[in-house]
Amino acid sequence: MIFGLDVSQYNSGVDLRRARAEGMEFCVARVTSARLVGDAVREPQLDPLWPRFRDEARRHGFLFSGYHRVGAGQTADEQAEMCVQQMGDRSIPLMLDHEGGAGGIDVFHAVWEAFRRRRVHVYASYFPDWYWERIGKPDLSSIPPLVRSEYPYRETASPQVIYQQVGPEHWAGYGGNRVEVLQFSAFARVGGYAPVGVDAYRGSRAGYWRLLGLFRPWS
């Protein structure tokens, strides 16, 4: 089991050097968020802390990736182009975050394909089970493996303490796909800062490296 953290502009106080010393092995940082619709309306955003987190995570030895929040208010090509321009390095593995304001599974597939055309490797799908249920439980078997979010303990504590409340049921797959990474809290204290989202991977550092697909720049 290894732990990681999920950061964006809302986590400006986290010290990645300290987080690494505390045992965090991987880091995923937000690159961009598309225009969201429905009950989560928001205009497109370029995360202002992306360059900082990208450079610091690499400097301190994290297994690093970025993520783009999918939105139904822009075309797939608009989203992919916005994200690629912000990334600055399209060899960085990318997770797609598909939740409130993202639309249906058709939007996910279109955005994923837009990134593939730009040779950006999408290694995982943050597709929460509650949102999957809301949009009618579509088949997820053909998309990259899942990152599930379940928060069994909503108090501020270290990732090691919080993870003690996680059970086997929190790792269960759905939609015909498997869960590779579990985001088990959005309330952790990491790197001298709280709250921070934290993730778990049931495997080794080498296994997570393979998950990121760092042996091939795109797929």
C-alpha atoms as a PDB file:
ATOM      1  CA  MET A   1       0.000   0.000   0.000  1.00  0.00           C
ATOM      2  CA  ILE A   2       1.260   3.460  -0.880  1.00  0.00           C
ATOM      3  CA  PHE A   3      -0.339   6.871  -0.322  1.00  0.00           C
ATOM      4  CA  GLY A   4      -0.520  10.004  -2.419  1.00  0.00           C
ATOM      5  CA  LEU A   5      -2.155  13.410  -2.446  1.00  0.00           C
ATOM      6  CA  ASP A   6      -4.465  15.334  -4.749  1.00  0.00           C
ATOM      7  CA  VAL A   7      -3.768  19.065  -5.045  1.00  0.00           C
ATOM      8  CA  SER A   8      -5.091  22.162  -6.783  1.00  0.00           C
ATOM      9  CA  GLN A   9      -5.217  25.914  -6.250  1.00  0.00           C
ATOM     10  CA  TYR A  10      -7.231  25.271  -3.080  1.00  0.00           C
ATOM     11  CA  ASN A  11      -4.197  23.655  -1.414  1.00  0.00           C
ATOM     12  CA  SER A  12      -1.674  26.463  -1.718  1.00  0.00           C
ATOM     13  CA  GLY A  13      -0.291  25.896   1.792  1.00  0.00           C
ATOM     14  CA  VAL A  14       0.850  22.307   1.320  1.00  0.00           C
ATOM     15  CA  ASP A  15       4.610  21.725   1.493  1.00  0.00           C
ATOM     16  CA  LEU A  16       5.417  18.963  -1.005  1.00  0.00           C
ATOM     17  CA  ARG A  17       8.942  18.458   0.313  1.00  0.00           C
ATOM     18  CA  ARG A  18       7.506  17.799   3.767  1.00  0.00           C
ATOM     19  CA  ALA A  19       4.710  15.635   2.343  1.00  0.00           C
ATOM     20  CA  ARG A  20       7.291  13.445   0.636  1.00  0.00           C
ATOM     21  CA  ALA A  21       9.196  13.092   3.909  1.00  0.00           C
ATOM     22  CA  GLU A  22       5.930  12.010   5.553  1.00  0.00           C
ATOM     23  CA  GLY A  23       5.702   9.060   3.190  1.00  0.00           C
ATOM     24  CA  MET A  24       3.557  10.365   0.339  1.00  0.00           C
ATOM     25  CA  GLU A  25       4.684   8.538  -2.817  1.00  0.00           C
ATOM     26  CA  PHE A  26       2.533  10.022  -5.576  1.00  0.00           C
ATOM     27  CA  CYS A  27       0.899  13.324  -6.403  1.00  0.00           C
ATOM     28  CA  VAL A  28      -1.831  14.294  -8.859  1.00  0.00           C
ATOM     29  CA  ALA A  29      -2.360  18.004  -9.522  1.00  0.00           C
ATOM     30  CA  ARG A  30      -5.155  19.795 -11.324  1.00  0.00           C
ATOM     31  CA  VAL A  31      -4.207  21.288 -14.674  1.00  0.00           C
ATOM     32  CA  THR A  32      -7.519  22.669 -15.912  1.00  0.00           C
ATOM     33  CA  SER A  33     -11.258  22.570 -15.405  1.00  0.00           C
ATOM     34  CA  ALA A  34     -13.665  22.888 -18.329  1.00  0.00           C
ATOM     35  CA  ARG A  35     -16.916  24.836 -18.315  1.00  0.00           C
ATOM     36  CA  LEU A  36     -19.295  22.983 -15.998  1.00  0.00           C
ATOM     37  CA  VAL A  37     -23.064  22.915 -16.501  1.00  0.00           C
ATOM     38  CA  GLY A  38     -26.186  21.906 -14.597  1.00  0.00           C
ATOM     39  CA  ASP A  39     -25.967  22.095 -10.800  1.00  0.00           C
ATOM     40  CA  ALA A  40     -22.212  22.780 -10.854  1.00  0.00           C
ATOM     41  CA  VAL A  41     -22.006  25.751 -13.219  1.00  0.00           C
ATOM     42  CA  ARG A  42     -18.486  27.178 -13.484  1.00  0.00           C
ATOM     43  CA  GLU A  43     -16.446  28.856 -16.170  1.00  0.00           C
ATOM     44  CA  PRO A  44     -13.254  27.237 -17.524  1.00  0.00           C
ATOM     45  CA  GLN A  45     -10.232  27.501 -15.252  1.00  0.00           C
ATOM     46  CA  LEU A  46      -6.497  27.180 -15.693  1.00  0.00           C
ATOM     47  CA  ASP A  47      -5.197  26.112 -12.301  1.00  0.00           C
ATOM     48  CA  PRO A  48      -2.700  28.835 -11.289  1.00  0.00           C
ATOM     49  CA  LEU A  49      -0.703  26.476  -9.063  1.00  0.00           C
ATOM     50  CA  TRP A  50      -0.184  23.808 -11.732  1.00  0.00           C
ATOM     51  CA  PRO A  51       3.343  24.966 -12.709  1.00  0.00           C
ATOM     52  CA  ARG A  52       4.433  25.079  -9.084  1.00  0.00           C
ATOM     53  CA  PHE A  53       3.071  21.651  -8.182  1.00  0.00           C
ATOM     54  CA  ARG A  54       4.406  20.118 -11.423  1.00  0.00           C
ATOM     55  CA  ASP A  55       7.934  21.344 -10.809  1.00  0.00           C
ATOM     56  CA  GLU A  56       8.035  20.732  -7.040  1.00  0.00           C
ATOM     57  CA  ALA A  57       6.566  17.229  -7.280  1.00  0.00           C
ATOM     58  CA  ARG A  58       9.217  16.222  -9.784  1.00  0.00           C
ATOM     59  CA  ARG A  59      11.968  17.818  -7.710  1.00  0.00           C
ATOM     60  CA  HIS A  60      10.978  15.911  -4.585  1.00  0.00           C
ATOM     61  CA  GLY A  61      10.648  12.495  -6.205  1.00  0.00           C
ATOM     62  CA  PHE A  62       6.896  12.015  -6.446  1.00  0.00           C
ATOM     63  CA  LEU A  63       5.303   9.765  -9.022  1.00  0.00           C
ATOM     64  CA  PHE A  64       3.485  12.611 -10.709  1.00  0.00           C
ATOM     65  CA  SER A  65       0.440  13.124 -12.907  1.00  0.00           C
ATOM     66  CA  GLY A  66      -2.092  15.814 -13.734  1.00  0.00           C
ATOM     67  CA  TYR A  67      -5.842  15.877 -14.064  1.00  0.00           C
ATOM     68  CA  HIS A  68      -8.418  17.693 -16.124  1.00  0.00           C
ATOM     69  CA  ARG A  69     -11.963  18.181 -14.887  1.00  0.00           C
ATOM     70  CA  VAL A  70     -14.336  17.389 -17.728  1.00  0.00           C
ATOM     71  CA  GLY A  71     -17.221  19.771 -18.392  1.00  0.00           C
ATOM     72  CA  ALA A  72     -20.195  19.557 -20.714  1.00  0.00           C
ATOM     73  CA  GLY A  73     -20.059  23.284 -21.531  1.00  0.00           C
ATOM     74  CA  GLN A  74     -17.164  23.066 -24.009  1.00  0.00           C
ATOM     75  CA  THR A  75     -16.342  20.876 -26.963  1.00  0.00           C
ATOM     76  CA  ALA A  76     -13.949  17.998 -26.431  1.00  0.00           C
ATOM     77  CA  ASP A  77     -11.299  19.630 -28.606  1.00  0.00           C
ATOM     78  CA  GLU A  78     -11.575  22.927 -26.734  1.00  0.00           C
ATOM     79  CA  GLN A  79     -11.024  21.098 -23.455  1.00  0.00           C
ATOM     80  CA  ALA A  80      -8.083  19.040 -24.635  1.00  0.00           C
ATOM     81  CA  GLU A  81      -6.365  21.993 -26.288  1.00  0.00           C
ATOM     82  CA  MET A  82      -6.797  24.176 -23.199  1.00  0.00           C
ATOM     83  CA  CYS A  83      -5.315  21.463 -20.994  1.00  0.00           C
ATOM     84  CA  VAL A  84      -2.413  20.603 -23.303  1.00  0.00           C
ATOM     85  CA  GLN A  85      -1.396  24.250 -23.525  1.00  0.00           C
ATOM     86  CA  GLN A  86      -1.445  24.566 -19.727  1.00  0.00           C
ATOM     87  CA  MET A  87       0.408  21.290 -19.123  1.00  0.00           C
ATOM     88  CA  GLY A  88       3.565  22.463 -20.844  1.00  0.00           C
ATOM     89  CA  ASP A  89       4.642  18.836 -21.248  1.00  0.00           C
ATOM     90  CA  ARG A  90       2.230  16.444 -22.935  1.00  0.00           C
ATOM     91  CA  SER A  91       4.229  13.400 -21.808  1.00  0.00           C
ATOM     92  CA  ILE A  92       2.809  13.880 -18.291  1.00  0.00           C
ATOM     93  CA  PRO A  93       0.157  11.195 -17.595  1.00  0.00           C
ATOM     94  CA  LEU A  94      -3.354  12.585 -17.178  1.00  0.00           C
ATOM     95  CA  MET A  95      -6.434  11.576 -15.191  1.00  0.00           C
ATOM     96  CA  LEU A  96      -9.897  12.674 -16.329  1.00  0.00           C
ATOM     97  CA  ASP A  97     -12.182  13.899 -13.537  1.00  0.00           C
ATOM     98  CA  HIS A  98     -15.818  13.265 -14.536  1.00  0.00           C
ATOM     99  CA  GLU A  99     -18.390  14.376 -11.968  1.00  0.00           C
ATOM    100  CA  GLY A 100     -20.916  17.191 -11.413  1.00  0.00           C
ATOM    101  CA  GLY A 101     -21.281  19.373 -14.490  1.00  0.00           C
ATOM    102  CA  ALA A 102     -19.543  16.909 -16.807  1.00  0.00           C
ATOM    103  CA  GLY A 103     -22.542  15.460 -18.623  1.00  0.00           C
ATOM    104  CA  GLY A 104     -22.889  11.836 -19.705  1.00  0.00           C
ATOM    105  CA  ILE A 105     -20.500   9.066 -20.630  1.00  0.00           C
ATOM    106  CA  ASP A 106     -20.571  10.301 -24.231  1.00  0.00           C
ATOM    107  CA  VAL A 107     -18.805  13.480 -23.114  1.00  0.00           C
ATOM    108  CA  PHE A 108     -16.134  11.440 -21.331  1.00  0.00           C
ATOM    109  CA  HIS A 109     -15.455   9.372 -24.450  1.00  0.00           C
ATOM    110  CA  ALA A 110     -15.262  12.455 -26.662  1.00  0.00           C
ATOM    111  CA  VAL A 111     -12.827  14.236 -24.347  1.00  0.00           C
ATOM    112  CA  TRP A 112     -10.715  11.105 -23.918  1.00  0.00           C
ATOM    113  CA  GLU A 113     -10.478  10.726 -27.683  1.00  0.00           C
ATOM    114  CA  ALA A 114      -9.492  14.402 -28.055  1.00  0.00           C
ATOM    115  CA  PHE A 115      -6.562  13.810 -25.702  1.00  0.00           C
ATOM    116  CA  ARG A 116      -5.585  10.626 -27.539  1.00  0.00           C
ATOM    117  CA  ARG A 117      -5.414  12.569 -30.797  1.00  0.00           C
ATOM    118  CA  ARG A 118      -2.958  14.896 -29.053  1.00  0.00           C
ATOM    119  CA  ARG A 119      -0.915  11.932 -27.803  1.00  0.00           C
ATOM    120  CA  VAL A 120      -1.651  12.558 -24.146  1.00  0.00           C
ATOM    121  CA  HIS A 121      -1.873   9.357 -22.124  1.00  0.00           C
ATOM    122  CA  VAL A 122      -5.038   9.192 -19.974  1.00  0.00           C
ATOM    123  CA  TYR A 123      -4.240   6.573 -17.355  1.00  0.00           C
ATOM    124  CA  ALA A 124      -7.268   6.759 -15.022  1.00  0.00           C
ATOM    125  CA  SER A 125     -10.878   7.897 -14.701  1.00  0.00           C
ATOM    126  CA  TYR A 126     -11.997   9.761 -11.588  1.00  0.00           C
ATOM    127  CA  PHE A 127     -15.646   8.792 -12.041  1.00  0.00           C
ATOM    128  CA  PRO A 128     -17.320   8.717  -8.593  1.00  0.00           C
ATOM    129  CA  ASP A 129     -19.927   6.043  -8.026  1.00  0.00           C
ATOM    130  CA  TRP A 130     -22.516   8.638  -6.922  1.00  0.00           C
ATOM    131  CA  TYR A 131     -22.195  10.437 -10.253  1.00  0.00           C
ATOM    132  CA  TRP A 132     -22.208   7.171 -12.181  1.00  0.00           C
ATOM    133  CA  GLU A 133     -25.531   6.350 -10.482  1.00  0.00           C
ATOM    134  CA  ARG A 134     -26.925   9.842 -11.150  1.00  0.00           C
ATOM    135  CA  ILE A 135     -26.400   9.533 -14.913  1.00  0.00           C
ATOM    136  CA  GLY A 136     -27.994   6.102 -15.142  1.00  0.00           C
ATOM    137  CA  LYS A 137     -25.139   3.672 -14.402  1.00  0.00           C
ATOM    138  CA  PRO A 138     -23.565   3.572 -17.866  1.00  0.00           C
ATOM    139  CA  ASP A 139     -21.096   0.904 -18.913  1.00  0.00           C
ATOM    140  CA  LEU A 140     -17.594   1.949 -17.811  1.00  0.00           C
ATOM    141  CA  SER A 141     -15.774  -1.178 -18.937  1.00  0.00           C
ATOM    142  CA  SER A 142     -14.032   0.462 -21.891  1.00  0.00           C
ATOM    143  CA  ILE A 143     -12.582   3.533 -20.133  1.00  0.00           C
ATOM    144  CA  PRO A 144      -9.302   3.722 -18.155  1.00  0.00           C
ATOM    145  CA  PRO A 145      -9.396   2.188 -14.639  1.00  0.00           C
ATOM    146  CA  LEU A 146     -11.319   3.968 -11.930  1.00  0.00           C
ATOM    147  CA  VAL A 147     -10.314   6.301  -9.150  1.00  0.00           C
ATOM    148  CA  ARG A 148     -13.115   5.977  -6.599  1.00  0.00           C
ATOM    149  CA  SER A 149     -13.905   8.521  -3.868  1.00  0.00           C
ATOM    150  CA  GLU A 150     -15.224   7.306  -0.522  1.00  0.00           C
ATOM    151  CA  TYR A 151     -14.761   9.266   2.708  1.00  0.00           C
ATOM    152  CA  PRO A 152     -15.468   7.009   5.710  1.00  0.00           C
ATOM    153  CA  TYR A 153     -13.849   9.423   8.202  1.00  0.00           C
ATOM    154  CA  ARG A 154     -14.501  13.158   7.916  1.00  0.00           C
ATOM    155  CA  GLU A 155     -12.218  14.510  10.625  1.00  0.00           C
ATOM    156  CA  THR A 156      -8.785  16.044  10.083  1.00  0.00           C
ATOM    157  CA  ALA A 157      -5.990  13.539  10.697  1.00  0.00           C
ATOM    158  CA  SER A 158      -2.988  11.987   8.989  1.00  0.00           C
ATOM    159  CA  PRO A 159      -3.612   9.718   5.978  1.00  0.00           C
ATOM    160  CA  GLN A 160      -2.359   6.735   7.997  1.00  0.00           C
ATOM    161  CA  VAL A 161      -4.953   7.348  10.724  1.00  0.00           C
ATOM    162  CA  ILE A 162      -7.809   8.003   8.317  1.00  0.00           C
ATOM    163  CA  TYR A 163      -7.103   4.909   6.227  1.00  0.00           C
ATOM    164  CA  GLN A 164      -7.813   2.685   9.230  1.00  0.00           C
ATOM    165  CA  GLN A 165     -11.523   3.399   8.600  1.00  0.00           C
ATOM    166  CA  VAL A 166     -11.401   2.092   5.019  1.00  0.00           C
ATOM    167  CA  GLY A 167     -13.015  -1.289   4.362  1.00  0.00           C
ATOM    168  CA  PRO A 168     -12.928  -3.725   1.426  1.00  0.00           C
ATOM    169  CA  GLU A 169     -16.274  -2.398   0.209  1.00  0.00           C
ATOM    170  CA  HIS A 170     -14.693   0.971  -0.549  1.00  0.00           C
ATOM    171  CA  TRP A 171     -12.495  -0.706  -3.164  1.00  0.00           C
ATOM    172  CA  ALA A 172     -15.378  -2.381  -5.004  1.00  0.00           C
ATOM    173  CA  GLY A 173     -15.597  -1.654  -8.722  1.00  0.00           C
ATOM    174  CA  TYR A 174     -18.718  -0.665 -10.652  1.00  0.00           C
ATOM    175  CA  GLY A 175     -19.909  -0.191 -14.205  1.00  0.00           C
ATOM    176  CA  GLY A 176     -17.845  -3.182 -15.284  1.00  0.00           C
ATOM    177  CA  ASN A 177     -14.547  -1.515 -14.362  1.00  0.00           C
ATOM    178  CA  ARG A 178     -12.052  -1.964 -11.537  1.00  0.00           C
ATOM    179  CA  VAL A 179     -10.893   0.531  -8.910  1.00  0.00           C
ATOM    180  CA  GLU A 180      -7.138   1.087  -9.058  1.00  0.00           C
ATOM    181  CA  VAL A 181      -6.880   4.127  -6.768  1.00  0.00           C
ATOM    182  CA  LEU A 182      -9.071   5.127  -3.824  1.00  0.00           C
ATOM    183  CA  GLN A 183      -9.453   8.740  -2.765  1.00  0.00           C
ATOM    184  CA  PHE A 184     -10.333   8.053   0.853  1.00  0.00           C
ATOM    185  CA  SER A 185     -10.400  11.549   2.338  1.00  0.00           C
ATOM    186  CA  ALA A 186     -10.607  15.209   1.455  1.00  0.00           C
ATOM    187  CA  PHE A 187      -9.789  16.235   5.027  1.00  0.00           C
ATOM    188  CA  ALA A 188      -6.266  14.959   5.665  1.00  0.00           C
ATOM    189  CA  ARG A 189      -3.349  16.889   7.095  1.00  0.00           C
ATOM    190  CA  VAL A 190      -0.335  16.506   4.819  1.00  0.00           C
ATOM    191  CA  GLY A 191       2.815  18.573   4.478  1.00  0.00           C
ATOM    192  CA  GLY A 192       1.823  20.842   7.356  1.00  0.00           C
ATOM    193  CA  TYR A 193      -1.495  21.752   5.755  1.00  0.00           C
ATOM    194  CA  ALA A 194      -5.160  20.745   5.919  1.00  0.00           C
ATOM    195  CA  PRO A 195      -7.482  19.907   4.307  1.00  0.00           C
ATOM    196  CA  VAL A 196      -5.892  17.901   1.507  1.00  0.00           C
ATOM    197  CA  GLY A 197      -7.330  15.065  -0.570  1.00  0.00           C
ATOM    198  CA  VAL A 198      -5.424  11.813  -0.145  1.00  0.00           C
ATOM    199  CA  ASP A 199      -5.375   8.608  -2.184  1.00  0.00           C
ATOM    200  CA  ALA A 200      -4.289   5.006  -1.721  1.00  0.00           C
ATOM    201  CA  TYR A 201      -2.914   2.505  -4.198  1.00  0.00           C
ATOM    202  CA  ARG A 202      -2.857  -1.181  -3.246  1.00  0.00           C
ATOM    203  CA  GLY A 203       0.530  -2.041  -4.606  1.00  0.00           C
ATOM    204  CA  SER A 204       4.125  -0.923  -4.824  1.00  0.00           C
ATOM    205  CA  ARG A 205       5.749   2.211  -6.150  1.00  0.00           C
ATOM    206  CA  ALA A 206       6.748   0.218  -9.220  1.00  0.00           C
ATOM    207  CA  GLY A 207       3.145  -0.868  -9.712  1.00  0.00           C
ATOM    208  CA  TYR A 208       1.918   2.707  -9.593  1.00  0.00           C
ATOM    209  CA  TRP A 209       4.626   3.652 -12.084  1.00  0.00           C
ATOM    210  CA  ARG A 210       3.222   1.036 -14.454  1.00  0.00           C
ATOM    211  CA  LEU A 211      -0.301   2.360 -13.878  1.00  0.00           C
ATOM    212  CA  LEU A 212       0.808   5.808 -14.998  1.00  0.00           C
ATOM    213  CA  GLY A 213       2.069   4.265 -18.218  1.00  0.00           C
ATOM    214  CA  LEU A 214       5.401   6.005 -18.048  1.00  0.00           C
ATOM    215  CA  PHE A 215       6.906   3.371 -20.337  1.00  0.00           C
ATOM    216  CA  ARG A 216       4.900   4.848 -23.207  1.00  0.00           C
ATOM    217  CA  PRO A 217       4.121   8.543 -23.721  1.00  0.00           C
ATOM    218  CA  TRP A 218       0.627   8.006 -25.093  1.00  0.00           C
ATOM    219  CA  SER A 219      -1.972   5.370 -25.977  1.00  0.00           C
END
